[in-house]
Amino acid sequence: MLLSGSILMWIAALLGAPSTTVPTLTHGPEPTGAARTLVLTEDLRIGPDSGGDEFIWYGNVLQIEADQQGNFFIVDSGNDRIVMFDKNGKFVRQIGRRGEGPDEFYALVYFHLFKDGRAVAFQQQNFQTSYTHYNKQLEFEKTKKVVGDGRLISAVDYSEDGTWIAGYVTYFDGDSETRKREVFGPDYKTRISLGNFALKRFDASRMQDRSYWLSFLSARLSWYAKGKISYVAFDRDNNCYTAAGEHYEITKWNAKLEKAMVIKRNFKPLFQGEAEMEASVAEYKEDMMNQLPASIHEMFDDNFYRKVVETAGYGTRKMPINGLATMEDGSLLVWHDYNRKTRVSLVDIYGKDGAFLGSFSHPNNGFKHMIFKNGFAYTLETTEDDDVEAVRYRVALKPVSS
């Protein structure tokens, strides 16, 4: 009797236990129901023609951020500063300057405004990472440096209230390194780990060896070319979305970083033509010329950079995911394609319930920097003359016209 009672209790416990199955939504090429698109109507644009030096921004890393009052901020990594403008595009102030003292930057790459008005700036160079904190009046409070813990954190992003931090993390072990995309808390303990890409560290004794540079650079570029890079985005409720470039599969995590949903989509593969390949090589060459020592620039010609890109695995078939973003209403945006020749992005739209709603396109590589706040989309766009302009758009999700 005791045994049968125990069995009955065990069965009841199993039946009453919550399911650990994560719902998976697999979409076809077409949207769920009537197709919709995101209509962006230009509301404000500023750039080099709008004023003095404060309207000129450049560098390998550019970013736009906005507060609840409609002020917007531009991370100008080329000048190691943050430039603030009011809702009318008028220059307000500069935050920070180049240097290594208090409220100074040596390698600025990111700026985040929290809901309560506080802010943090992130900078990373070589093996040093630092976080500069500002109060609600955006006055300097402190800088925290993270050095020598066996890893290098770069390209960070914060959840809405700062509970979670996402970053690219490089772990070092002798002459090798491993790159991952991770989500961690303020204690920097890893909660989510994505990808595991192993590389050899640079051998300084081969600085003048052109063949070594070909092998070294192509190995690093293959992280992107083969879709091994992962992407993270947070929504306003601290939910987290993650994806790898090589698969059209997005995982949604709730605010406790528990798996909540998986979104997949069957799609028609996209291919890169020769004109786009040439544009990819030109873009990569420009990026490397900004990073490599000037003393070795003459070692590398256009054919060298073409060989690096091809060896890395940039073929004709394109990766299905290039990035993630969220809108204020909880909608998810999946950056499905970017044409480096035309600078046009193709973006898929999903409701907060995971329904595939439709797609939209955007020019001037503008989706790369796009954020959604105050009922607007803010972004940075590159003109045909390679000038960088800040643009604000009114946003509307509308049915696709037949």
Protein backbone atom coordinates (compact mmCIF):
# COMPACT_ATOMS: atom_id res chain seq x y z
CA MET A 1 0.00 0.00 0.00
CA LEU A 2 2.85 2.35 0.87
CA LEU A 3 4.62 1.45 -2.37
CA SER A 4 1.55 2.03 -4.52
CA GLY A 5 0.93 5.32 -2.73
CA SER A 6 4.48 6.42 -3.45
CA ILE A 7 4.07 5.54 -7.13
CA LEU A 8 0.81 7.50 -7.32
CA MET A 9 2.50 10.53 -5.72
CA TRP A 10 5.42 10.25 -8.17
CA ILE A 11 3.06 10.09 -11.17
CA ALA A 12 1.07 13.06 -9.85
CA ALA A 13 4.27 15.05 -9.42
CA LEU A 14 5.30 14.34 -13.01
CA LEU A 15 1.90 15.33 -14.37
CA GLY A 16 1.88 18.51 -12.34
CA ALA A 17 5.45 19.54 -13.12
CA PRO A 18 5.80 22.53 -15.43
CA SER A 19 6.91 21.77 -18.99
CA THR A 20 10.49 22.65 -19.86
CA THR A 21 9.79 22.53 -23.58
CA VAL A 22 10.61 25.84 -25.27
CA PRO A 23 8.05 26.74 -27.98
CA THR A 24 9.53 26.92 -31.48
CA LEU A 25 7.91 28.97 -34.22
CA THR A 26 9.00 28.01 -37.73
CA HIS A 27 7.91 30.46 -40.41
CA GLY A 28 7.83 30.12 -44.15
CA PRO A 29 9.11 32.71 -46.62
CA GLU A 30 5.88 34.74 -46.40
CA PRO A 31 4.54 36.69 -43.38
CA THR A 32 1.84 35.47 -41.03
CA GLY A 33 -1.40 37.00 -42.31
CA ALA A 34 -1.43 40.27 -44.23
CA ALA A 35 2.11 41.53 -44.84
CA ARG A 36 3.21 44.71 -43.08
CA THR A 37 6.21 46.95 -43.48
CA LEU A 38 7.96 49.60 -41.42
CA VAL A 39 7.57 53.08 -42.89
CA LEU A 40 10.26 55.56 -41.79
CA THR A 41 9.55 59.24 -42.52
CA GLU A 42 12.48 61.61 -42.11
CA ASP A 43 11.93 64.13 -39.32
CA LEU A 44 15.42 65.58 -38.72
CA ARG A 45 18.87 65.33 -40.31
CA ILE A 46 22.15 66.91 -39.22
CA GLY A 47 25.72 66.46 -40.39
CA PRO A 48 28.90 68.24 -41.53
CA ASP A 49 26.90 71.01 -43.25
CA SER A 50 24.97 71.81 -40.06
CA GLY A 51 27.72 73.61 -38.17
CA GLY A 52 31.25 73.37 -36.86
CA ASP A 53 33.51 70.60 -35.64
CA GLU A 54 30.84 69.22 -33.31
CA PHE A 55 28.90 68.04 -36.40
CA ILE A 56 31.81 66.02 -37.82
CA TRP A 57 32.10 62.43 -36.56
CA TYR A 58 34.36 59.63 -37.75
CA GLY A 59 36.17 56.52 -36.61
CA ASN A 60 35.88 52.74 -36.67
CA VAL A 61 33.07 52.83 -34.11
CA LEU A 62 30.12 55.23 -34.30
CA GLN A 63 26.91 55.04 -32.25
CA ILE A 64 23.78 57.08 -31.56
CA GLU A 65 21.83 57.12 -28.28
CA ALA A 66 18.80 59.15 -27.07
CA ASP A 67 17.23 60.09 -23.74
CA GLN A 68 13.57 60.39 -22.76
CA GLN A 69 13.57 64.16 -23.38
CA GLY A 70 14.50 63.70 -27.04
CA ASN A 71 18.12 64.75 -26.71
CA PHE A 72 20.44 62.52 -28.69
CA PHE A 73 24.08 61.65 -28.30
CA ILE A 74 26.71 60.55 -30.81
CA VAL A 75 29.71 58.45 -29.90
CA ASP A 76 32.51 59.97 -32.00
CA SER A 77 35.30 57.42 -31.56
CA GLY A 78 37.59 59.26 -33.96
CA ASN A 79 37.73 62.16 -31.51
CA ASP A 80 37.14 60.11 -28.33
CA ARG A 81 34.14 62.17 -27.28
CA ILE A 82 30.36 62.05 -26.91
CA VAL A 83 28.48 64.91 -28.57
CA MET A 84 25.03 65.90 -27.26
CA PHE A 85 22.29 67.57 -29.32
CA ASP A 86 18.79 68.70 -28.30
CA LYS A 87 15.57 67.48 -29.96
CA ASN A 88 15.92 70.20 -32.62
CA GLY A 89 19.43 69.11 -33.59
CA LYS A 90 21.13 72.01 -31.81
CA PHE A 91 24.52 71.31 -30.24
CA VAL A 92 24.29 71.24 -26.43
CA ARG A 93 27.58 70.01 -25.02
CA GLN A 94 30.50 67.62 -25.34
CA ILE A 95 31.01 64.82 -22.84
CA GLY A 96 34.60 63.72 -22.35
CA ARG A 97 37.67 64.33 -24.45
CA ARG A 98 40.80 62.47 -25.53
CA GLY A 99 43.13 61.59 -22.68
CA GLU A 100 43.59 59.16 -19.79
CA GLY A 101 42.45 61.29 -16.87
CA PRO A 102 39.03 61.60 -15.22
CA ASP A 103 36.23 62.08 -17.77
CA GLU A 104 38.69 61.40 -20.60
CA PHE A 105 38.72 58.62 -23.19
CA TYR A 106 41.56 56.81 -24.92
CA ALA A 107 39.51 54.30 -26.96
CA LEU A 108 35.78 55.13 -26.71
CA VAL A 109 33.44 52.60 -28.34
CA TYR A 110 30.06 52.69 -26.53
CA PHE A 111 27.67 54.88 -24.52
CA HIS A 112 24.46 53.79 -22.77
CA LEU A 113 21.73 55.81 -21.06
CA PHE A 114 19.73 54.04 -18.37
CA LYS A 115 16.02 54.65 -17.68
CA ASP A 116 16.77 56.77 -14.63
CA GLY A 117 19.08 59.14 -16.54
CA ARG A 118 22.40 57.66 -15.43
CA ALA A 119 24.89 56.73 -18.12
CA VAL A 120 27.98 54.62 -18.74
CA ALA A 121 30.68 54.88 -21.40
CA PHE A 122 32.79 51.91 -22.40
CA GLN A 123 36.29 51.91 -23.83
CA GLN A 124 38.65 49.14 -24.76
CA GLN A 125 42.19 49.06 -26.08
CA ASN A 126 44.76 46.27 -26.11
CA PHE A 127 44.23 44.42 -22.81
CA GLN A 128 42.54 47.21 -20.88
CA THR A 129 38.79 47.66 -20.54
CA SER A 130 37.16 50.50 -18.60
CA TYR A 131 33.69 51.74 -17.72
CA THR A 132 33.11 55.45 -17.04
CA HIS A 133 29.97 56.21 -15.03
CA TYR A 134 27.89 59.42 -15.07
CA ASN A 135 25.12 60.60 -12.74
CA LYS A 136 21.63 61.76 -13.81
CA GLN A 137 23.03 65.20 -14.73
CA LEU A 138 25.62 63.41 -16.90
CA GLU A 139 28.38 64.56 -14.61
CA PHE A 140 31.43 62.34 -14.25
CA GLU A 141 31.34 59.99 -11.25
CA LYS A 142 34.03 57.34 -11.62
CA THR A 143 35.96 55.11 -13.99
CA LYS A 144 36.33 51.40 -13.30
CA LYS A 145 39.14 49.54 -15.07
CA VAL A 146 39.16 45.81 -15.70
CA VAL A 147 42.67 44.56 -16.38
CA GLY A 148 44.35 41.16 -16.40
CA ASP A 149 41.47 38.79 -15.62
CA GLY A 150 42.35 36.47 -18.54
CA ARG A 151 39.78 37.82 -20.95
CA LEU A 152 39.13 40.90 -23.03
CA ILE A 153 35.59 42.31 -23.22
CA SER A 154 34.67 44.45 -26.23
CA ALA A 155 31.64 45.79 -28.12
CA VAL A 156 29.33 45.81 -25.10
CA ASP A 157 25.58 46.49 -24.94
CA TYR A 158 23.38 46.90 -21.86
CA SER A 159 19.84 45.80 -21.11
CA GLU A 160 17.36 48.60 -20.50
CA ASP A 161 17.97 48.87 -16.75
CA GLY A 162 21.55 47.62 -16.74
CA THR A 163 20.78 44.21 -15.22
CA TRP A 164 22.50 42.40 -18.09
CA ILE A 165 25.51 43.22 -20.24
CA ALA A 166 26.31 41.63 -23.60
CA GLY A 167 29.80 41.71 -25.04
CA TYR A 168 32.29 40.02 -27.32
CA VAL A 169 34.74 38.23 -25.06
CA THR A 170 38.20 36.93 -25.95
CA TYR A 171 39.81 34.37 -23.65
CA PHE A 172 43.60 33.99 -23.79
CA ASP A 173 45.58 30.80 -23.28
CA GLY A 174 49.26 30.88 -24.24
CA ASP A 175 49.57 31.56 -27.97
CA SER A 176 45.86 30.88 -28.58
CA GLU A 177 42.66 32.82 -28.00
CA THR A 178 38.96 31.94 -28.07
CA ARG A 179 36.24 34.38 -29.05
CA LYS A 180 32.68 34.21 -27.75
CA ARG A 181 29.58 36.36 -27.43
CA GLU A 182 28.45 36.39 -23.82
CA VAL A 183 25.76 37.86 -21.60
CA PHE A 184 26.73 38.55 -18.01
CA GLY A 185 25.57 40.52 -14.97
CA PRO A 186 27.19 43.45 -13.15
CA ASP A 187 29.45 40.92 -11.45
CA TYR A 188 30.71 39.90 -14.95
CA LYS A 189 29.85 36.25 -14.35
CA THR A 190 28.73 34.59 -17.60
CA ARG A 191 25.01 33.77 -17.90
CA ILE A 192 24.81 32.98 -21.65
CA SER A 193 27.73 31.90 -23.83
CA LEU A 194 27.40 31.86 -27.63
CA GLY A 195 29.91 30.51 -30.13
CA ASN A 196 33.41 29.20 -29.54
CA PHE A 197 35.84 30.41 -32.20
CA ALA A 198 39.51 29.50 -31.66
CA LEU A 199 42.39 31.51 -33.15
CA LYS A 200 46.17 31.77 -32.92
CA ARG A 201 47.51 34.98 -31.41
CA PHE A 202 49.68 37.29 -33.49
CA ASP A 203 53.35 36.36 -33.83
CA ALA A 204 55.21 39.69 -33.72
CA SER A 205 58.38 38.08 -35.10
CA ARG A 206 56.58 37.71 -38.46
CA MET A 207 55.55 41.34 -38.81
CA GLN A 208 57.20 41.66 -42.23
CA ASP A 209 55.96 38.29 -43.54
CA ARG A 210 53.22 38.95 -46.13
CA SER A 211 52.12 35.31 -46.32
CA TYR A 212 51.77 35.20 -42.54
CA TRP A 213 49.57 38.31 -42.62
CA LEU A 214 47.36 36.63 -45.23
CA SER A 215 46.86 33.62 -42.98
CA PHE A 216 46.43 35.70 -39.82
CA LEU A 217 43.91 38.20 -41.24
CA SER A 218 41.84 35.65 -43.15
CA ALA A 219 41.51 33.48 -40.03
CA ARG A 220 40.10 36.44 -38.10
CA LEU A 221 37.81 37.56 -40.88
CA SER A 222 36.37 34.04 -41.19
CA TRP A 223 34.60 34.65 -37.86
CA TYR A 224 32.30 36.98 -39.80
CA ALA A 225 32.51 35.41 -43.24
CA LYS A 226 31.35 31.98 -42.07
CA GLY A 227 28.63 33.33 -39.79
CA LYS A 228 30.31 32.26 -36.55
CA ILE A 229 29.72 35.67 -35.01
CA SER A 230 26.69 35.93 -32.70
CA TYR A 231 24.29 38.81 -32.04
CA VAL A 232 22.40 39.98 -28.95
CA ALA A 233 19.59 42.50 -28.46
CA PHE A 234 17.55 43.52 -25.41
CA ASP A 235 13.98 44.85 -25.41
CA ARG A 236 12.37 47.38 -23.02
CA ASP A 237 11.29 44.60 -20.63
CA ASN A 238 14.84 43.20 -20.30
CA ASN A 239 14.03 40.22 -22.51
CA CYS A 240 17.06 39.10 -24.50
CA TYR A 241 17.33 37.85 -28.10
CA THR A 242 20.33 35.92 -29.42
CA ALA A 243 21.29 34.53 -32.83
CA ALA A 244 24.28 33.30 -34.82
CA GLY A 245 24.90 34.63 -38.32
CA GLU A 246 25.07 31.22 -40.00
CA HIS A 247 21.52 30.08 -39.13
CA TYR A 248 18.15 31.83 -39.33
CA GLU A 249 17.29 30.96 -35.75
CA ILE A 250 16.66 33.44 -32.94
CA THR A 251 16.30 32.51 -29.27
CA LYS A 252 14.26 34.69 -26.93
CA TRP A 253 15.22 34.70 -23.24
CA ASN A 254 13.03 36.22 -20.55
CA ALA A 255 14.20 38.86 -18.06
CA LYS A 256 15.70 36.10 -15.87
CA LEU A 257 17.60 34.76 -18.89
CA GLU A 258 15.47 31.63 -19.11
CA LYS A 259 14.72 30.35 -22.62
CA ALA A 260 11.25 31.48 -23.66
CA MET A 261 10.94 31.00 -27.43
CA VAL A 262 12.81 30.00 -30.58
CA ILE A 263 12.01 31.67 -33.92
CA LYS A 264 13.02 30.12 -37.22
CA ARG A 265 12.27 31.06 -40.81
CA ASN A 266 12.64 29.20 -44.08
CA PHE A 267 13.98 31.66 -46.63
CA LYS A 268 15.24 31.88 -50.16
CA PRO A 269 19.07 31.97 -50.03
CA LEU A 270 20.72 35.27 -50.94
CA PHE A 271 23.84 35.45 -53.11
CA GLN A 272 26.62 37.99 -53.55
CA GLY A 273 27.57 39.12 -57.06
CA GLU A 274 30.97 40.34 -58.25
CA ALA A 275 30.12 44.03 -57.78
CA GLU A 276 29.19 43.40 -54.17
CA MET A 277 32.30 41.29 -53.65
CA GLU A 278 34.44 44.17 -54.87
CA ALA A 279 32.62 46.50 -52.48
CA SER A 280 33.27 44.04 -49.62
CA VAL A 281 36.99 44.02 -50.43
CA ALA A 282 37.12 47.82 -50.60
CA GLU A 283 35.33 48.12 -47.26
CA TYR A 284 37.65 45.60 -45.64
CA LYS A 285 40.74 47.33 -47.04
CA GLU A 286 39.63 50.69 -45.64
CA ASP A 287 38.99 49.13 -42.25
CA MET A 288 42.43 47.50 -42.17
CA MET A 289 44.20 50.67 -43.32
CA ASN A 290 42.72 52.37 -40.25
CA GLN A 291 43.93 49.61 -37.93
CA LEU A 292 47.27 48.33 -39.23
CA PRO A 293 50.52 50.25 -38.57
CA ALA A 294 51.27 52.77 -41.33
CA SER A 295 54.78 51.33 -41.63
CA ILE A 296 53.46 48.13 -43.24
CA HIS A 297 50.70 49.56 -45.47
CA GLU A 298 52.84 49.30 -48.59
CA MET A 299 53.13 45.52 -48.12
CA PHE A 300 49.47 45.09 -49.03
CA ASP A 301 47.84 45.89 -52.38
CA ASP A 302 44.26 45.40 -53.61
CA ASN A 303 45.00 41.82 -54.70
CA PHE A 304 46.19 40.99 -51.19
CA TYR A 305 42.97 42.21 -49.60
CA ARG A 306 40.93 40.34 -52.20
CA LYS A 307 42.83 37.17 -51.32
CA VAL A 308 42.21 37.70 -47.59
CA VAL A 309 38.46 38.06 -48.15
CA GLU A 310 38.28 34.98 -50.40
CA THR A 311 40.43 32.85 -48.09
CA ALA A 312 38.24 33.85 -45.14
CA GLY A 313 35.27 32.25 -46.85
CA TYR A 314 33.37 35.17 -48.30
CA GLY A 315 31.72 33.30 -51.14
CA THR A 316 28.62 33.97 -53.19
CA ARG A 317 26.12 32.68 -50.61
CA LYS A 318 25.40 35.23 -47.89
CA MET A 319 24.77 34.66 -44.20
CA PRO A 320 21.06 34.93 -43.23
CA ILE A 321 21.49 37.12 -40.13
CA ASN A 322 23.62 40.26 -39.77
CA GLY A 323 22.22 41.70 -36.55
CA LEU A 324 19.23 42.12 -34.22
CA ALA A 325 17.31 45.12 -32.86
CA THR A 326 14.10 45.73 -30.92
CA MET A 327 11.42 48.41 -31.13
CA GLU A 328 9.63 50.17 -28.27
CA ASP A 329 6.52 47.99 -28.60
CA GLY A 330 8.58 44.81 -28.20
CA SER A 331 8.79 43.95 -31.89
CA LEU A 332 11.95 42.19 -33.02
CA LEU A 333 13.90 43.27 -36.11
CA VAL A 334 16.21 40.77 -37.80
CA TRP A 335 18.83 42.22 -40.14
CA HIS A 336 18.53 39.65 -42.90
CA ASP A 337 20.77 41.14 -45.58
CA TYR A 338 23.15 44.00 -46.27
CA ASN A 339 24.33 44.84 -49.80
CA ARG A 340 27.74 46.49 -49.51
CA LYS A 341 27.52 47.83 -53.06
CA THR A 342 24.18 49.63 -52.68
CA ARG A 343 24.41 50.05 -48.88
CA VAL A 344 20.80 48.86 -48.59
CA SER A 345 19.69 46.68 -45.65
CA LEU A 346 16.80 44.19 -45.74
CA VAL A 347 15.14 43.72 -42.35
CA ASP A 348 12.49 41.22 -41.18
CA ILE A 349 9.84 42.24 -38.62
CA TYR A 350 8.46 39.99 -35.84
CA GLY A 351 5.79 40.74 -33.25
CA LYS A 352 6.60 40.24 -29.57
CA ASP A 353 4.69 36.94 -29.84
CA GLY A 354 7.11 35.77 -32.54
CA ALA A 355 4.74 36.21 -35.50
CA PHE A 356 6.48 37.06 -38.80
CA LEU A 357 4.88 40.35 -39.87
CA GLY A 358 6.83 41.38 -42.96
CA SER A 359 10.00 43.15 -44.06
CA PHE A 360 11.38 46.57 -44.97
CA SER A 361 14.53 47.98 -46.55
CA HIS A 362 16.64 50.94 -45.53
CA PRO A 363 19.47 52.79 -47.38
CA ASN A 364 22.86 54.28 -46.48
CA ASN A 365 23.82 51.48 -44.08
CA GLY A 366 21.44 53.17 -41.66
CA PHE A 367 20.01 50.10 -39.99
CA LYS A 368 23.41 49.18 -38.51
CA HIS A 369 23.14 52.04 -36.00
CA MET A 370 19.35 52.27 -35.63
CA ILE A 371 17.67 52.58 -32.22
CA PHE A 372 14.01 53.16 -31.34
CA LYS A 373 13.04 55.65 -28.63
CA ASN A 374 10.40 58.34 -28.00
CA GLY A 375 8.30 57.11 -30.93
CA PHE A 376 11.19 57.71 -33.34
CA ALA A 377 13.99 55.79 -35.01
CA TYR A 378 17.42 57.41 -34.59
CA THR A 379 20.35 56.40 -36.74
CA LEU A 380 23.62 57.36 -38.40
CA GLU A 381 23.84 57.16 -42.18
CA THR A 382 26.77 57.37 -44.59
CA THR A 383 26.21 59.53 -47.67
CA GLU A 384 27.63 58.93 -51.15
CA ASP A 385 30.41 61.36 -50.21
CA ASP A 386 31.15 59.20 -47.13
CA ASP A 387 29.94 61.91 -44.76
CA VAL A 388 28.19 60.69 -41.61
CA GLU A 389 24.79 62.22 -40.83
CA ALA A 390 22.48 61.74 -37.86
CA VAL A 391 18.86 61.14 -38.86
CA ARG A 392 15.60 60.91 -36.92
CA TYR A 393 12.58 59.19 -38.46
CA ARG A 394 8.93 58.96 -37.51
CA VAL A 395 7.94 55.29 -37.34
CA ALA A 396 4.80 53.52 -38.52
CA LEU A 397 4.01 49.85 -39.09
CA LYS A 398 1.65 49.74 -42.08
CA PRO A 399 0.06 47.15 -44.38
CA VAL A 400 1.97 46.52 -47.57
CA SER A 401 0.28 48.25 -50.51
CA SER A 402 -1.00 45.81 -53.09
